[in-house]
Every structure is written in structure tokens, then in C-alpha cells.
Amino acid sequence: ECVPNEPIVFEFMKGASGSTPYDWVSTSLPPLALMSQRLLDGLSGFSGWATYPVEVYGKHKERIEGYHGFSITGRCGPIDRVMGRKLWRDRPADGPFKHNRRFYYFDPSAWDGRDIFVPDGPGSIMILEPVMRALKRARITNIEMWHLPSF
């Protein structure tokens, strides 16, 4: 909700696995995340997000270009845990398993109408179906999207 005056510096964390530059990069400080230019292009035309300047350095202290800090500006009210329902999801390798969260329900009158948003309090990033389709078409890496069925 605040924009830094200077770029935030991110460095490769010792012990981190992998060296592939993904489109979505989580950080050791959960509210902060990085997005590639490709992901930024995939979100073009959708509302509820902003970027901020970052400097990203790799495993060997080399500067990695093409990343932006990602912030979500869209909001909805708190998740109503009573109205939610548990989900089953098929995972091809393991078969069906019970997801440890509930279907997210919130009061629609408390939503600001943006395409990308987060709830007040704990919860995941939420996106509208057109955003999901655009990200799938762009083959964005390192994200998991759940299409929640109607109940």
C-alpha cells in the first residue's frame, strides 16, 4: 500500500533451490513478490495491481534484469469461513486429495470490483476468470491457479 522511494534490492538466498528465472518469484518476506516483464505483459489491461522498482541479483551476484516488484491494490472484505466449502482437487500423480482450505466466500458488496484482489485478513490472491485465461495463454511459470466451481 506504499510505494518505495528507491528500488528494493533482492539477492539470491543461500540454500534456495533452482536457478531458473520464473515469471513469479516469492521472496523470504511474504508480502513482497517479484514478477517478470512477461507476467507484467500478461496482466496488461487488468486492474488491481501495481509495480514498484527493484534490483535483483542472482546466485553469483550478477544483476538480473526484467523484474518488477508486484503489489495488489484490489481488495474485498474478509473471507467468510462459515459460508465456504471444502474442495476436492484431482492431482494426476496422487489421485484426489482434500485441499486444506475452504472455498473462498466474501460479501460481494465489500469487493472493489478490480480484476485482481486480496481479502481483508488472511487469504490468497484472487483473480477473475479472464485474468486466469490470459495467464494460462501466456504460459506464466511458477503460479498455481484454482478454478473454483459454482456451488
Foldseek 3Di string as FASTA:
>chain_A
DDADPDAAEEEDDPPDDDQDDFQWAADPPHQKIKGFQLLVVLCPPFDFKDWYHHWYAYPVRHTDDGMTIIHGRWEFEAWDQVPWAWDWDQDPVPGIDTDPGTHTDGDVVRTPPGQWYAYPDDDDIDGDPVSVVSCVVSVGPDDDDDDDDDD
